[in-house]
Amino acid sequence: MSTMMMPGMLAGAVPFAARGDFWGSVWEKFGVFAIGLTAFAAVVGLVLFLADRAPKRGRDFLQLLAFVAPALILLGVGLVYPAVRTTYLAFTNRTGEFIGIDNFVWMFTQPDILTTLGNTLLWVALVPTVSTAVGLAYAVFIDKSRGEKVLKSLVFMPMAISFVGAGIIWRFVYEYRATGFEQIGLLNQVLVWLGLEPQQFLINSPWNNLFLIVVMVWIQTGFAMVLLSAAIKGVPIERLEAARLDGANAWQQFTNVTVPEIRGSLVVVVTTITIATLKVFDIVRTMTGGNFDTSVIANEMYTQAFNRGEFGQGSALALVLFIMVLPIVIYNVRVMRKQKEIR
């Protein structure tokens, strides 16, 4: 009898043991977190105490250093060192041996990587342009209209969704089922209602890139709309009324008064969306995984470095991506400085 009860007893004992291990792990993690938080607070308190007790001569410098040093250390560990390390790895092979510019030669001679670079340029050409144009048009047409807040909220709502979430949503929209089967993808169901054949939107190249770009435009349009709408509301009414008195129609008022007044905001919107587009990864990874000629630089960088173990090639792609982003950031900073000088 005891032998017959043993399996049941063991079966009942395993969940309790597992449950104990689980809670033990949870409390252990909370303990580590509490110790780390306490240590951080103690170090900060000690630094502030020493800065306050510093000699009067040079106290301002020591206090400034005490506040700035932690941020500089974090920037060095989390930004400067990885950047330098990635730059070095871009000139090495998978074993860490220095090979010069071979990784860059590989990048610009492999057809698949050239396709990836071309896809990235296509994204950069279309996403900022379309997102800004649609966001600007939306901001102009619904400005001071009835239901403005609701309409703007609907357009801005995709910004609250992560790129992964947006990719999953639109993957269902593009979902394909063979002819004769019930379609669960919205677009293919519409095609079936119209008497057309369902299409594999995410497989057929090069159109699949455009369908992926639609997702990014859908997300970024709300960002462009909000910033440009605020900029338009800041245009002096006196200038618009003066243009109206001079006989300018609505289009002339928009092109000759509104657009020049919001030029700074337009630059910020375009450059911000361009940088986000250059770094796009989640949408491509979630919807196609970079297959069917849809890969972009960020996705290919991840694939080469972490899936194939080619850290040199992945670092070379990361370095090229950084070089592409850098001029845009510099231009954006210069425009912002000019605006501050004018003001």
Protein backbone atom coordinates (compact mmCIF):
# COMPACT_ATOMS: atom_id res chain seq x y z
CA MET A 1 0.00 0.00 0.00
CA SER A 2 2.80 2.34 0.84
CA THR A 3 4.36 1.46 -2.52
CA MET A 4 1.13 2.36 -4.35
CA MET A 5 0.90 5.67 -2.53
CA MET A 6 4.46 6.63 -3.30
CA PRO A 7 3.86 7.86 -6.89
CA GLY A 8 0.93 9.97 -5.79
CA MET A 9 2.87 11.36 -2.88
CA LEU A 10 5.80 12.18 -5.13
CA ALA A 11 3.50 13.68 -7.73
CA GLY A 12 1.99 15.91 -5.09
CA ALA A 13 5.38 16.77 -3.63
CA VAL A 14 6.96 17.95 -6.88
CA PRO A 15 4.75 21.04 -7.31
CA PHE A 16 5.44 22.10 -3.74
CA ALA A 17 9.16 21.71 -4.28
CA ALA A 18 8.99 23.59 -7.55
CA ARG A 19 6.86 26.25 -5.90
CA GLY A 20 9.42 26.60 -3.12
CA ASP A 21 12.25 26.91 -5.65
CA PHE A 22 10.29 29.55 -7.53
CA TRP A 23 9.63 31.71 -4.49
CA GLY A 24 13.18 31.19 -3.32
CA SER A 25 14.43 32.48 -6.67
CA VAL A 26 12.07 35.46 -6.48
CA TRP A 27 13.20 36.42 -2.99
CA GLU A 28 16.82 35.94 -4.00
CA LYS A 29 16.36 38.38 -6.91
CA PHE A 30 14.59 40.87 -4.68
CA GLY A 31 17.44 40.56 -2.19
CA VAL A 32 20.04 41.26 -4.88
CA PHE A 33 17.99 44.22 -6.07
CA ALA A 34 17.66 45.61 -2.56
CA ILE A 35 21.39 45.20 -1.91
CA GLY A 36 22.24 46.92 -5.20
CA LEU A 37 19.85 49.79 -4.52
CA THR A 38 21.20 50.21 -1.00
CA ALA A 39 24.79 50.20 -2.25
CA PHE A 40 23.95 52.76 -4.92
CA ALA A 41 22.26 55.05 -2.38
CA ALA A 42 25.20 54.66 -0.01
CA VAL A 43 27.75 55.54 -2.71
CA VAL A 44 25.73 58.58 -3.85
CA GLY A 45 25.29 59.73 -0.27
CA LEU A 46 29.01 59.31 0.42
CA VAL A 47 29.94 61.26 -2.71
CA LEU A 48 27.57 64.10 -1.82
CA PHE A 49 28.81 64.14 1.77
CA LEU A 50 32.45 64.36 0.69
CA ALA A 51 31.63 67.04 -1.86
CA ASP A 52 29.85 69.09 0.80
CA ARG A 53 32.76 68.67 3.24
CA ALA A 54 35.38 69.58 0.65
CA PRO A 55 37.67 72.58 1.35
CA LYS A 56 36.25 75.91 0.31
CA ARG A 57 39.00 76.33 -2.22
CA GLY A 58 37.90 74.34 -5.22
CA ARG A 59 34.63 73.22 -3.61
CA ASP A 60 32.55 74.27 -6.63
CA PHE A 61 34.71 72.19 -8.95
CA LEU A 62 34.57 69.15 -6.68
CA GLN A 63 30.79 69.42 -6.32
CA LEU A 64 30.41 69.73 -10.09
CA LEU A 65 32.68 66.72 -10.57
CA ALA A 66 30.71 64.72 -7.99
CA PHE A 67 27.47 65.26 -9.87
CA VAL A 68 28.86 64.87 -13.38
CA ALA A 69 31.28 61.97 -12.83
CA PRO A 70 28.60 59.21 -12.47
CA ALA A 71 26.96 60.26 -15.73
CA LEU A 72 30.33 60.42 -17.49
CA ILE A 73 31.26 56.97 -16.20
CA LEU A 74 27.97 55.51 -17.40
CA LEU A 75 28.39 57.18 -20.80
CA GLY A 76 31.90 55.81 -21.05
CA VAL A 77 30.90 52.27 -20.12
CA GLY A 78 27.61 52.18 -22.02
CA LEU A 79 28.40 54.31 -25.09
CA VAL A 80 32.05 55.23 -25.69
CA TYR A 81 33.59 51.81 -24.97
CA PRO A 82 31.04 49.86 -27.08
CA ALA A 83 31.54 52.33 -29.95
CA VAL A 84 35.33 51.95 -29.85
CA ARG A 85 35.05 48.17 -29.48
CA THR A 86 32.63 47.90 -32.40
CA THR A 87 34.90 50.03 -34.58
CA TYR A 88 37.83 47.74 -33.83
CA LEU A 89 35.80 44.56 -34.45
CA ALA A 90 34.75 45.91 -37.85
CA PHE A 91 38.33 45.31 -39.01
CA THR A 92 38.63 41.76 -37.65
CA ASN A 93 37.32 38.33 -38.61
CA ARG A 94 35.28 35.95 -36.48
CA THR A 95 38.40 34.78 -34.63
CA GLY A 96 39.46 38.34 -33.74
CA GLU A 97 42.29 38.49 -36.26
CA PHE A 98 42.88 41.90 -37.88
CA ILE A 99 41.96 41.73 -41.59
CA GLY A 100 41.83 45.41 -42.61
CA ILE A 101 38.91 46.49 -44.80
CA ASP A 102 37.93 42.97 -45.93
CA ASN A 103 34.59 43.21 -44.11
CA PHE A 104 33.73 46.40 -45.99
CA VAL A 105 34.81 44.84 -49.30
CA TRP A 106 32.52 41.92 -48.48
CA MET A 107 29.70 44.33 -47.70
CA PHE A 108 29.86 46.16 -51.01
CA THR A 109 30.44 43.09 -53.21
CA GLN A 110 27.88 40.60 -51.90
CA PRO A 111 24.56 40.81 -53.82
CA ASP A 112 22.51 40.06 -50.69
CA ILE A 113 24.18 42.84 -48.70
CA LEU A 114 23.82 45.27 -51.61
CA THR A 115 20.12 44.44 -51.62
CA THR A 116 20.05 45.16 -47.90
CA LEU A 117 21.72 48.54 -48.41
CA GLY A 118 19.29 49.33 -51.22
CA ASN A 119 16.32 48.42 -49.02
CA THR A 120 17.63 50.74 -46.30
CA LEU A 121 17.94 53.61 -48.75
CA LEU A 122 14.40 52.90 -49.98
CA TRP A 123 13.12 53.09 -46.40
CA VAL A 124 14.98 56.36 -45.80
CA ALA A 125 13.64 57.87 -49.01
CA LEU A 126 9.99 56.97 -48.43
CA VAL A 127 9.25 56.81 -44.70
CA PRO A 128 10.30 60.36 -43.65
CA THR A 129 8.83 61.91 -46.80
CA VAL A 130 5.46 60.16 -46.66
CA SER A 131 5.12 60.36 -42.87
CA THR A 132 5.89 64.08 -42.80
CA ALA A 133 3.67 64.87 -45.79
CA VAL A 134 0.69 62.93 -44.42
CA GLY A 135 1.21 64.28 -40.90
CA LEU A 136 1.42 67.85 -42.21
CA ALA A 137 -1.68 67.45 -44.36
CA TYR A 138 -3.60 65.97 -41.45
CA ALA A 139 -2.48 68.77 -39.13
CA VAL A 140 -3.58 71.43 -41.61
CA PHE A 141 -6.93 69.96 -42.61
CA ILE A 142 -8.24 69.15 -39.13
CA ASP A 143 -6.83 72.25 -37.44
CA LYS A 144 -9.63 73.88 -35.40
CA SER A 145 -12.21 71.47 -36.85
CA ARG A 146 -14.93 69.73 -34.90
CA GLY A 147 -13.64 66.59 -33.23
CA GLU A 148 -10.03 67.72 -33.65
CA LYS A 149 -8.88 66.10 -30.40
CA VAL A 150 -10.50 62.76 -31.21
CA LEU A 151 -9.16 62.68 -34.76
CA LYS A 152 -5.64 63.55 -33.63
CA SER A 153 -5.81 60.94 -30.89
CA LEU A 154 -6.69 58.25 -33.43
CA VAL A 155 -3.73 59.18 -35.64
CA PHE A 156 -1.33 59.42 -32.71
CA MET A 157 -2.46 56.13 -31.16
CA PRO A 158 -0.03 53.92 -33.16
CA MET A 159 2.86 55.79 -31.47
CA ALA A 160 1.80 54.09 -28.23
CA ILE A 161 2.35 50.67 -29.80
CA SER A 162 5.81 49.13 -29.89
CA PHE A 163 7.35 48.29 -33.25
CA VAL A 164 7.04 44.60 -32.42
CA GLY A 165 3.36 45.01 -31.59
CA ALA A 166 2.76 46.97 -34.78
CA GLY A 167 4.56 44.28 -36.76
CA ILE A 168 2.37 41.56 -35.29
CA ILE A 169 -0.81 43.57 -35.97
CA TRP A 170 0.09 44.22 -39.61
CA ARG A 171 1.27 40.65 -40.11
CA PHE A 172 -2.29 39.60 -39.39
CA VAL A 173 -3.52 42.28 -41.81
CA TYR A 174 -1.29 40.83 -44.55
CA GLU A 175 -1.94 37.19 -43.60
CA TYR A 176 -2.35 34.85 -46.60
CA ARG A 177 -4.40 31.69 -47.07
CA ALA A 178 -4.55 29.73 -50.29
CA THR A 179 -7.53 30.14 -52.59
CA GLY A 180 -10.52 28.23 -51.28
CA PHE A 181 -9.61 28.65 -47.63
CA GLU A 182 -11.10 31.22 -45.30
CA GLN A 183 -8.96 34.34 -45.23
CA ILE A 184 -8.02 35.77 -41.84
CA GLY A 185 -5.95 38.64 -43.28
CA LEU A 186 -7.96 41.84 -43.76
CA LEU A 187 -6.44 42.81 -47.11
CA ASN A 188 -6.82 39.35 -48.63
CA GLN A 189 -10.39 39.13 -47.39
CA VAL A 190 -11.12 42.44 -49.13
CA LEU A 191 -9.56 41.06 -52.33
CA VAL A 192 -11.74 37.95 -52.08
CA TRP A 193 -14.85 40.11 -51.61
CA LEU A 194 -13.87 41.96 -54.77
CA GLY A 195 -13.55 38.70 -56.67
CA LEU A 196 -9.74 38.79 -56.84
CA GLU A 197 -7.12 36.24 -55.88
CA PRO A 198 -5.46 36.51 -52.43
CA GLN A 199 -1.86 37.70 -52.52
CA GLN A 200 1.24 36.87 -50.48
CA PHE A 201 2.05 40.46 -49.58
CA LEU A 202 5.13 39.68 -47.47
CA ILE A 203 6.76 37.27 -49.92
CA ASN A 204 6.48 38.87 -53.34
CA SER A 205 9.56 41.03 -53.88
CA PRO A 206 10.08 43.99 -54.28
CA TRP A 207 6.54 44.98 -53.31
CA ASN A 208 6.89 43.35 -49.89
CA ASN A 209 9.30 46.15 -48.90
CA LEU A 210 6.60 48.70 -49.62
CA PHE A 211 4.13 46.82 -47.44
CA LEU A 212 6.65 46.85 -44.59
CA ILE A 213 7.25 50.56 -45.11
CA VAL A 214 3.52 51.17 -44.70
CA VAL A 215 3.80 49.92 -41.11
CA MET A 216 6.56 52.42 -40.29
CA VAL A 217 4.63 55.25 -41.94
CA TRP A 218 1.53 54.27 -39.94
CA ILE A 219 3.53 54.60 -36.71
CA GLN A 220 5.48 57.78 -37.49
CA THR A 221 2.64 59.81 -39.02
CA GLY A 222 1.19 60.52 -35.57
CA PHE A 223 4.53 61.87 -34.36
CA ALA A 224 4.81 64.19 -37.37
CA MET A 225 1.20 65.32 -37.01
CA VAL A 226 1.52 66.29 -33.33
CA LEU A 227 4.71 68.33 -33.74
CA LEU A 228 3.62 70.06 -36.93
CA SER A 229 0.16 70.80 -35.58
CA ALA A 230 1.72 72.54 -32.57
CA ALA A 231 4.05 74.47 -34.90
CA ILE A 232 1.17 75.57 -37.12
CA LYS A 233 -0.78 76.85 -34.13
CA GLY A 234 2.27 78.95 -33.27
CA VAL A 235 2.28 80.79 -36.60
CA PRO A 236 1.40 84.48 -35.94
CA ILE A 237 -2.17 85.18 -37.04
CA GLU A 238 -1.15 88.69 -38.11
CA ARG A 239 1.04 87.32 -40.89
CA LEU A 240 -1.71 85.08 -42.20
CA GLU A 241 -4.18 87.98 -42.14
CA ALA A 242 -1.67 90.21 -43.93
CA ALA A 243 -1.22 87.60 -46.64
CA ARG A 244 -4.98 87.28 -46.95
CA LEU A 245 -5.37 91.04 -47.34
CA ASP A 246 -2.71 90.98 -50.07
CA GLY A 247 -4.93 88.61 -52.04
CA ALA A 248 -3.14 85.34 -51.31
CA ASN A 249 -5.33 82.25 -51.55
CA ALA A 250 -5.21 79.37 -49.05
CA TRP A 251 -2.45 77.50 -50.90
CA GLN A 252 -0.29 80.63 -51.20
CA GLN A 253 -0.77 81.37 -47.51
CA PHE A 254 0.33 77.85 -46.71
CA THR A 255 3.42 77.79 -48.95
CA ASN A 256 4.58 81.39 -48.40
CA VAL A 257 3.70 81.94 -44.75
CA THR A 258 2.99 78.70 -42.87
CA VAL A 259 5.76 76.50 -44.29
CA PRO A 260 8.57 79.06 -43.76
CA GLU A 261 7.35 79.65 -40.21
CA ILE A 262 7.42 75.94 -39.33
CA ARG A 263 10.63 75.12 -41.21
CA GLY A 264 12.50 74.36 -37.99
CA SER A 265 9.82 71.90 -36.86
CA LEU A 266 9.83 70.28 -40.31
CA VAL A 267 13.58 69.73 -40.08
CA VAL A 268 13.26 68.20 -36.62
CA VAL A 269 10.45 65.88 -37.73
CA VAL A 270 12.20 64.74 -40.92
CA THR A 271 15.56 64.16 -39.27
CA THR A 272 14.06 62.35 -36.27
CA ILE A 273 12.01 60.02 -38.46
CA THR A 274 15.02 59.47 -40.73
CA ILE A 275 17.18 58.37 -37.82
CA ALA A 276 14.43 56.05 -36.55
CA THR A 277 14.07 54.62 -40.07
CA LEU A 278 17.79 53.97 -40.46
CA LYS A 279 17.72 51.99 -37.21
CA VAL A 280 14.52 50.06 -37.99
CA PHE A 281 14.82 46.46 -36.89
CA ASP A 282 11.72 45.26 -35.05
CA ILE A 283 9.26 45.54 -37.92
CA VAL A 284 11.41 43.62 -40.38
CA ARG A 285 12.43 41.02 -37.81
CA THR A 286 8.86 40.43 -36.67
CA MET A 287 7.15 40.31 -40.06
CA THR A 288 9.65 38.63 -42.41
CA GLY A 289 12.82 37.99 -40.44
CA GLY A 290 14.69 39.70 -43.26
CA ASN A 291 13.79 36.97 -45.74
CA PHE A 292 12.45 37.46 -49.27
CA ASP A 293 14.83 40.38 -49.96
CA THR A 294 13.42 42.54 -47.14
CA SER A 295 16.44 42.80 -44.84
CA VAL A 296 17.77 46.20 -43.75
CA ILE A 297 21.10 47.15 -42.19
CA ALA A 298 20.06 46.81 -38.55
CA ASN A 299 18.48 43.40 -39.16
CA GLU A 300 21.45 42.16 -41.18
CA MET A 301 23.81 43.40 -38.48
CA TYR A 302 21.96 41.28 -35.91
CA THR A 303 21.86 38.28 -38.24
CA GLN A 304 25.57 38.36 -39.02
CA ALA A 305 26.76 39.03 -35.48
CA PHE A 306 24.45 36.88 -33.36
CA ASN A 307 22.98 34.24 -35.65
CA ARG A 308 26.08 33.47 -37.72
CA GLY A 309 28.78 34.47 -35.26
CA GLU A 310 30.39 36.89 -37.74
CA PHE A 311 31.01 39.71 -35.28
CA GLY A 312 33.41 41.45 -37.64
CA GLN A 313 30.86 41.67 -40.44
CA GLY A 314 28.11 42.66 -38.03
CA SER A 315 30.33 45.38 -36.57
CA ALA A 316 31.15 46.65 -40.07
CA LEU A 317 27.43 46.98 -40.78
CA ALA A 318 26.96 48.77 -37.45
CA LEU A 319 29.78 51.18 -38.31
CA VAL A 320 28.24 51.96 -41.70
CA LEU A 321 24.90 52.56 -40.00
CA PHE A 322 26.56 54.95 -37.55
CA ILE A 323 28.22 56.84 -40.43
CA MET A 324 24.85 57.18 -42.15
CA VAL A 325 23.17 58.54 -39.01
CA LEU A 326 25.96 60.92 -37.99
CA PRO A 327 25.50 63.61 -40.71
CA ILE A 328 21.78 63.79 -39.98
CA VAL A 329 22.42 64.34 -36.28
CA ILE A 330 25.02 67.04 -37.01
CA TYR A 331 22.64 68.82 -39.39
CA ASN A 332 19.84 68.69 -36.84
CA VAL A 333 22.09 70.18 -34.14
CA ARG A 334 23.16 73.02 -36.44
CA VAL A 335 19.57 73.89 -37.31
CA MET A 336 18.61 73.95 -33.64
CA ARG A 337 21.56 76.24 -32.85
CA LYS A 338 20.58 78.65 -35.63
CA GLN A 339 17.03 78.79 -34.29
CA LYS A 340 18.33 79.62 -30.78
CA GLU A 341 20.55 82.36 -32.20
CA ILE A 342 17.63 83.89 -34.11
CA ARG A 343 15.46 83.88 -31.00
